[in-house]
Every structure is written in C-alpha cells, then in structure tokens.
Amino acid sequence: MPVIGYLIFTAALVVGDQLVKHWVSATIALNSSQPVVPNLLAITNLRNDGAAWSILEGQQWFFTVVTLIALAVLAYLFYRWRRQPRLLWPLTLILAGAIGNFIDRLQNGYVVDMFELLFINFPVFNVADLCLTVGVLWLVVIFIREEE
C-alpha cells in the first residue's frame, strides 16, 4: 500500500477518536460514569490536562513541544520506512494517537478520556491513547524479534 493509504487510515482513526470524545462530552456529565460491562468497563467523562495518572498536570507547553517533536520524528520515519509495511502500520497508530490528543490539547487545553477499566487501578484513557499504546508495543515487538 502506498504511504497515502496509511495516512488516510491515520485520518480515519483521528476522526473516530474525535467523534468518540465529542459523543462522551455531549452525553455523559463531566466526572461521571456509565457502566458498560459491570465490574469490567465504564464510560467516564474526564478532562485530563496531564499524562497518564495526571502526571505533569497543567504542563500544556511541554506536551505541545513533545508532540511537535514526535510528529517530526514520525514524518521522518514514515519517509525512511515507506517501503516497509510491517513498520508503517504501528507508525500509523502512533501518528493517529499523537494527532488525536494534540487536537484536544490545542482546542481545549485538556484531553477527554473515557474508557475506565473497573477491575484494575489504571488511568482512564481514550481512543488516541489506545492507538499510541498499541502502536508503540507493536514496534517494540518488531524490534525485539529482529534482534533475536
């Protein structure tokens, strides 16, 4: 698939992330929850102006700088790995996650989080966070397997 296909998929993930965030913000009161699967998952409307567990809370300038650097690195990697689909798929997820949360930070000064795992003490997260996490883990697995 040409690089444009990955970028279109990135755009689709970003749109999906933003739609879910807008839906949650419009239908669930701020700081409240609606159970989806009892004792497993709830949809919670939270505003997070930090990272996971609200680390670096209120440091929007820091997140802006880090995101801009990450986007530049991702653009370079997309170019460098443009003929390696096994690397472009995880990069696509990472790019979508970075852009999805960056849009929130620029528009609102915070990120809307909504997925709450009820069976474990874990940060509430969103679609962009999920894309970032899966993409990074996927790349790590690829690099570990290459070293073996």
C-alpha atoms as a PDB file:
ATOM      1  CA  MET A   1       0.000   0.000   0.000  1.00  0.00           C
ATOM      2  CA  PRO A   2       1.345   3.468  -0.789  1.00  0.00           C
ATOM      3  CA  VAL A   3       2.079   5.808   2.128  1.00  0.00           C
ATOM      4  CA  ILE A   4      -1.074   7.792   1.298  1.00  0.00           C
ATOM      5  CA  GLY A   5      -3.152   4.750   2.305  1.00  0.00           C
ATOM      6  CA  TYR A   6      -1.579   4.760   5.763  1.00  0.00           C
ATOM      7  CA  LEU A   7      -2.214   8.486   6.055  1.00  0.00           C
ATOM      8  CA  ILE A   8      -5.872   8.010   5.107  1.00  0.00           C
ATOM      9  CA  PHE A   9      -6.154   5.308   7.783  1.00  0.00           C
ATOM     10  CA  THR A  10      -4.485   7.721  10.228  1.00  0.00           C
ATOM     11  CA  ALA A  11      -7.089  10.360   9.374  1.00  0.00           C
ATOM     12  CA  ALA A  12      -9.911   7.834   9.888  1.00  0.00           C
ATOM     13  CA  LEU A  13      -8.559   6.922  13.336  1.00  0.00           C
ATOM     14  CA  VAL A  14      -8.244  10.607  14.289  1.00  0.00           C
ATOM     15  CA  VAL A  15     -11.817  11.289  13.157  1.00  0.00           C
ATOM     16  CA  GLY A  16     -13.030   8.251  15.132  1.00  0.00           C
ATOM     17  CA  ASP A  17     -11.145   9.429  18.217  1.00  0.00           C
ATOM     18  CA  GLN A  18     -12.622  12.922  17.963  1.00  0.00           C
ATOM     19  CA  LEU A  19     -16.159  11.615  17.388  1.00  0.00           C
ATOM     20  CA  VAL A  20     -15.987   9.392  20.479  1.00  0.00           C
ATOM     21  CA  LYS A  21     -14.631  12.291  22.557  1.00  0.00           C
ATOM     22  CA  HIS A  22     -17.401  14.612  21.359  1.00  0.00           C
ATOM     23  CA  TRP A  23     -20.069  11.962  21.970  1.00  0.00           C
ATOM     24  CA  VAL A  24     -18.839  11.322  25.523  1.00  0.00           C
ATOM     25  CA  SER A  25     -18.623  15.054  26.268  1.00  0.00           C
ATOM     26  CA  ALA A  26     -22.163  15.590  24.961  1.00  0.00           C
ATOM     27  CA  THR A  27     -23.870  12.595  26.591  1.00  0.00           C
ATOM     28  CA  ILE A  28     -22.123  11.916  29.910  1.00  0.00           C
ATOM     29  CA  ALA A  29     -21.854  14.542  32.619  1.00  0.00           C
ATOM     30  CA  LEU A  30     -18.343  15.662  33.453  1.00  0.00           C
ATOM     31  CA  ASN A  31     -16.686  13.456  36.092  1.00  0.00           C
ATOM     32  CA  SER A  32     -19.445  10.862  35.964  1.00  0.00           C
ATOM     33  CA  SER A  33     -19.576   7.288  34.690  1.00  0.00           C
ATOM     34  CA  GLN A  34     -21.906   4.925  32.886  1.00  0.00           C
ATOM     35  CA  PRO A  35     -21.142   1.203  33.329  1.00  0.00           C
ATOM     36  CA  VAL A  36     -20.925  -0.703  30.048  1.00  0.00           C
ATOM     37  CA  VAL A  37     -19.859  -4.106  31.333  1.00  0.00           C
ATOM     38  CA  PRO A  38     -20.396  -4.433  35.117  1.00  0.00           C
ATOM     39  CA  ASN A  39     -17.154  -4.754  37.092  1.00  0.00           C
ATOM     40  CA  LEU A  40     -15.161  -4.541  33.853  1.00  0.00           C
ATOM     41  CA  LEU A  41     -15.650  -1.322  31.830  1.00  0.00           C
ATOM     42  CA  ALA A  42     -17.331   2.040  32.237  1.00  0.00           C
ATOM     43  CA  ILE A  43     -17.542   5.106  30.025  1.00  0.00           C
ATOM     44  CA  THR A  44     -16.391   8.049  32.117  1.00  0.00           C
ATOM     45  CA  ASN A  45     -16.183  11.704  31.106  1.00  0.00           C
ATOM     46  CA  LEU A  46     -12.880  13.082  32.392  1.00  0.00           C
ATOM     47  CA  ARG A  47     -10.759  16.048  31.428  1.00  0.00           C
ATOM     48  CA  ASN A  48      -7.060  15.330  31.717  1.00  0.00           C
ATOM     49  CA  ASP A  49      -4.588  18.185  31.379  1.00  0.00           C
ATOM     50  CA  GLY A  50      -1.668  15.885  32.147  1.00  0.00           C
ATOM     51  CA  ALA A  51      -0.489  12.464  31.027  1.00  0.00           C
ATOM     52  CA  ALA A  52      -1.444   9.059  32.490  1.00  0.00           C
ATOM     53  CA  TRP A  53      -2.427   9.352  36.156  1.00  0.00           C
ATOM     54  CA  SER A  54      -2.373  13.155  35.545  1.00  0.00           C
ATOM     55  CA  ILE A  55       1.433  13.218  35.501  1.00  0.00           C
ATOM     56  CA  LEU A  56       2.734  16.693  34.539  1.00  0.00           C
ATOM     57  CA  GLU A  57      -0.712  18.134  35.087  1.00  0.00           C
ATOM     58  CA  GLY A  58      -1.157  21.584  33.544  1.00  0.00           C
ATOM     59  CA  GLN A  59       2.080  21.482  31.520  1.00  0.00           C
ATOM     60  CA  GLN A  60       0.458  22.088  28.130  1.00  0.00           C
ATOM     61  CA  TRP A  61       3.565  23.807  26.741  1.00  0.00           C
ATOM     62  CA  PHE A  62       5.560  20.627  27.478  1.00  0.00           C
ATOM     63  CA  PHE A  63       3.032  18.385  25.727  1.00  0.00           C
ATOM     64  CA  THR A  64       2.928  20.768  22.754  1.00  0.00           C
ATOM     65  CA  VAL A  65       6.710  20.708  22.336  1.00  0.00           C
ATOM     66  CA  VAL A  66       6.915  16.921  22.792  1.00  0.00           C
ATOM     67  CA  THR A  67       4.088  16.349  20.297  1.00  0.00           C
ATOM     68  CA  LEU A  68       5.651  18.618  17.672  1.00  0.00           C
ATOM     69  CA  ILE A  69       8.980  16.787  18.041  1.00  0.00           C
ATOM     70  CA  ALA A  70       7.174  13.418  17.877  1.00  0.00           C
ATOM     71  CA  LEU A  71       5.311  14.465  14.714  1.00  0.00           C
ATOM     72  CA  ALA A  72       8.589  15.492  13.070  1.00  0.00           C
ATOM     73  CA  VAL A  73      10.199  12.167  14.021  1.00  0.00           C
ATOM     74  CA  LEU A  74       7.166  10.249  12.769  1.00  0.00           C
ATOM     75  CA  ALA A  75       7.254  12.119   9.440  1.00  0.00           C
ATOM     76  CA  TYR A  76      10.924  11.210   9.066  1.00  0.00           C
ATOM     77  CA  LEU A  77      10.252   7.547   9.943  1.00  0.00           C
ATOM     78  CA  PHE A  78       7.331   7.388   7.500  1.00  0.00           C
ATOM     79  CA  TYR A  79       9.692   8.571   4.781  1.00  0.00           C
ATOM     80  CA  ARG A  80      12.551   6.297   5.833  1.00  0.00           C
ATOM     81  CA  TRP A  81      10.355   3.193   6.209  1.00  0.00           C
ATOM     82  CA  ARG A  82       7.981   3.997   3.331  1.00  0.00           C
ATOM     83  CA  ARG A  83       8.528   0.569   1.748  1.00  0.00           C
ATOM     84  CA  GLN A  84       8.217  -1.448   4.964  1.00  0.00           C
ATOM     85  CA  PRO A  85       4.530  -2.055   5.744  1.00  0.00           C
ATOM     86  CA  ARG A  86       5.294  -4.015   8.919  1.00  0.00           C
ATOM     87  CA  LEU A  87       6.753  -0.774  10.326  1.00  0.00           C
ATOM     88  CA  LEU A  88       4.239   1.616   8.771  1.00  0.00           C
ATOM     89  CA  TRP A  89       1.221   0.014  10.473  1.00  0.00           C
ATOM     90  CA  PRO A  90       2.422   0.703  14.026  1.00  0.00           C
ATOM     91  CA  LEU A  91       3.636   4.172  12.962  1.00  0.00           C
ATOM     92  CA  THR A  92       0.137   4.851  11.643  1.00  0.00           C
ATOM     93  CA  LEU A  93      -1.339   4.057  15.064  1.00  0.00           C
ATOM     94  CA  ILE A  94       1.239   6.203  16.870  1.00  0.00           C
ATOM     95  CA  LEU A  95       0.641   9.114  14.485  1.00  0.00           C
ATOM     96  CA  ALA A  96      -3.135   8.887  14.909  1.00  0.00           C
ATOM     97  CA  GLY A  97      -2.824   8.839  18.685  1.00  0.00           C
ATOM     98  CA  ALA A  98      -0.447  11.783  18.766  1.00  0.00           C
ATOM     99  CA  ILE A  99      -2.658  13.856  16.482  1.00  0.00           C
ATOM    100  CA  GLY A 100      -5.895  12.915  18.281  1.00  0.00           C
ATOM    101  CA  ASN A 101      -4.660  14.059  21.687  1.00  0.00           C
ATOM    102  CA  PHE A 102      -2.857  17.079  20.188  1.00  0.00           C
ATOM    103  CA  ILE A 103      -6.137  18.320  18.711  1.00  0.00           C
ATOM    104  CA  ASP A 104      -7.733  18.150  22.173  1.00  0.00           C
ATOM    105  CA  ARG A 105      -4.854  19.967  23.833  1.00  0.00           C
ATOM    106  CA  LEU A 106      -4.905  22.744  21.222  1.00  0.00           C
ATOM    107  CA  GLN A 107      -8.698  23.141  21.228  1.00  0.00           C
ATOM    108  CA  ASN A 108      -9.465  22.629  24.906  1.00  0.00           C
ATOM    109  CA  GLY A 109      -6.253  22.725  26.929  1.00  0.00           C
ATOM    110  CA  TYR A 110      -7.020  19.167  28.078  1.00  0.00           C
ATOM    111  CA  VAL A 111      -7.657  15.695  26.686  1.00  0.00           C
ATOM    112  CA  VAL A 112     -11.035  13.990  27.010  1.00  0.00           C
ATOM    113  CA  ASP A 113     -10.639  10.489  28.483  1.00  0.00           C
ATOM    114  CA  MET A 114     -13.459   7.962  28.675  1.00  0.00           C
ATOM    115  CA  PHE A 115     -12.558   4.282  28.965  1.00  0.00           C
ATOM    116  CA  GLU A 116     -12.353   3.205  32.600  1.00  0.00           C
ATOM    117  CA  LEU A 117     -11.274  -0.318  33.489  1.00  0.00           C
ATOM    118  CA  LEU A 118     -13.130  -1.202  36.674  1.00  0.00           C
ATOM    119  CA  PHE A 119     -11.184  -4.335  37.591  1.00  0.00           C
ATOM    120  CA  ILE A 120      -7.785  -2.637  37.945  1.00  0.00           C
ATOM    121  CA  ASN A 121      -6.350   0.693  39.083  1.00  0.00           C
ATOM    122  CA  PHE A 122      -5.467   2.016  35.638  1.00  0.00           C
ATOM    123  CA  PRO A 123      -5.754   5.511  34.157  1.00  0.00           C
ATOM    124  CA  VAL A 124      -8.911   6.361  32.253  1.00  0.00           C
ATOM    125  CA  PHE A 125      -7.922   6.512  28.579  1.00  0.00           C
ATOM    126  CA  ASN A 126      -9.256   7.331  25.123  1.00  0.00           C
ATOM    127  CA  VAL A 127      -9.046   6.047  21.536  1.00  0.00           C
ATOM    128  CA  ALA A 128      -5.886   8.092  20.839  1.00  0.00           C
ATOM    129  CA  ASP A 129      -4.181   6.647  23.930  1.00  0.00           C
ATOM    130  CA  LEU A 130      -5.126   3.157  22.771  1.00  0.00           C
ATOM    131  CA  CYS A 131      -3.657   3.819  19.321  1.00  0.00           C
ATOM    132  CA  LEU A 132      -0.429   5.166  20.857  1.00  0.00           C
ATOM    133  CA  THR A 133      -0.051   2.238  23.228  1.00  0.00           C
ATOM    134  CA  VAL A 134      -0.761  -0.473  20.665  1.00  0.00           C
ATOM    135  CA  GLY A 135       1.498   1.217  18.101  1.00  0.00           C
ATOM    136  CA  VAL A 136       4.438   1.557  20.480  1.00  0.00           C
ATOM    137  CA  LEU A 137       4.083  -2.008  21.775  1.00  0.00           C
ATOM    138  CA  TRP A 138       3.835  -3.297  18.200  1.00  0.00           C
ATOM    139  CA  LEU A 139       7.084  -1.510  17.262  1.00  0.00           C
ATOM    140  CA  VAL A 140       8.835  -2.831  20.375  1.00  0.00           C
ATOM    141  CA  VAL A 141       7.819  -6.389  19.497  1.00  0.00           C
ATOM    142  CA  ILE A 142       9.086  -5.931  15.927  1.00  0.00           C
ATOM    143  CA  PHE A 143      12.451  -4.636  17.129  1.00  0.00           C
ATOM    144  CA  ILE A 144      12.831  -7.334  19.779  1.00  0.00           C
ATOM    145  CA  ARG A 145      12.058 -10.069  17.228  1.00  0.00           C
ATOM    146  CA  GLU A 146      14.602  -8.584  14.803  1.00  0.00           C
ATOM    147  CA  GLU A 147      17.346  -8.687  17.449  1.00  0.00           C
ATOM    148  CA  GLU A 148      16.677 -12.379  18.074  1.00  0.00           C
END
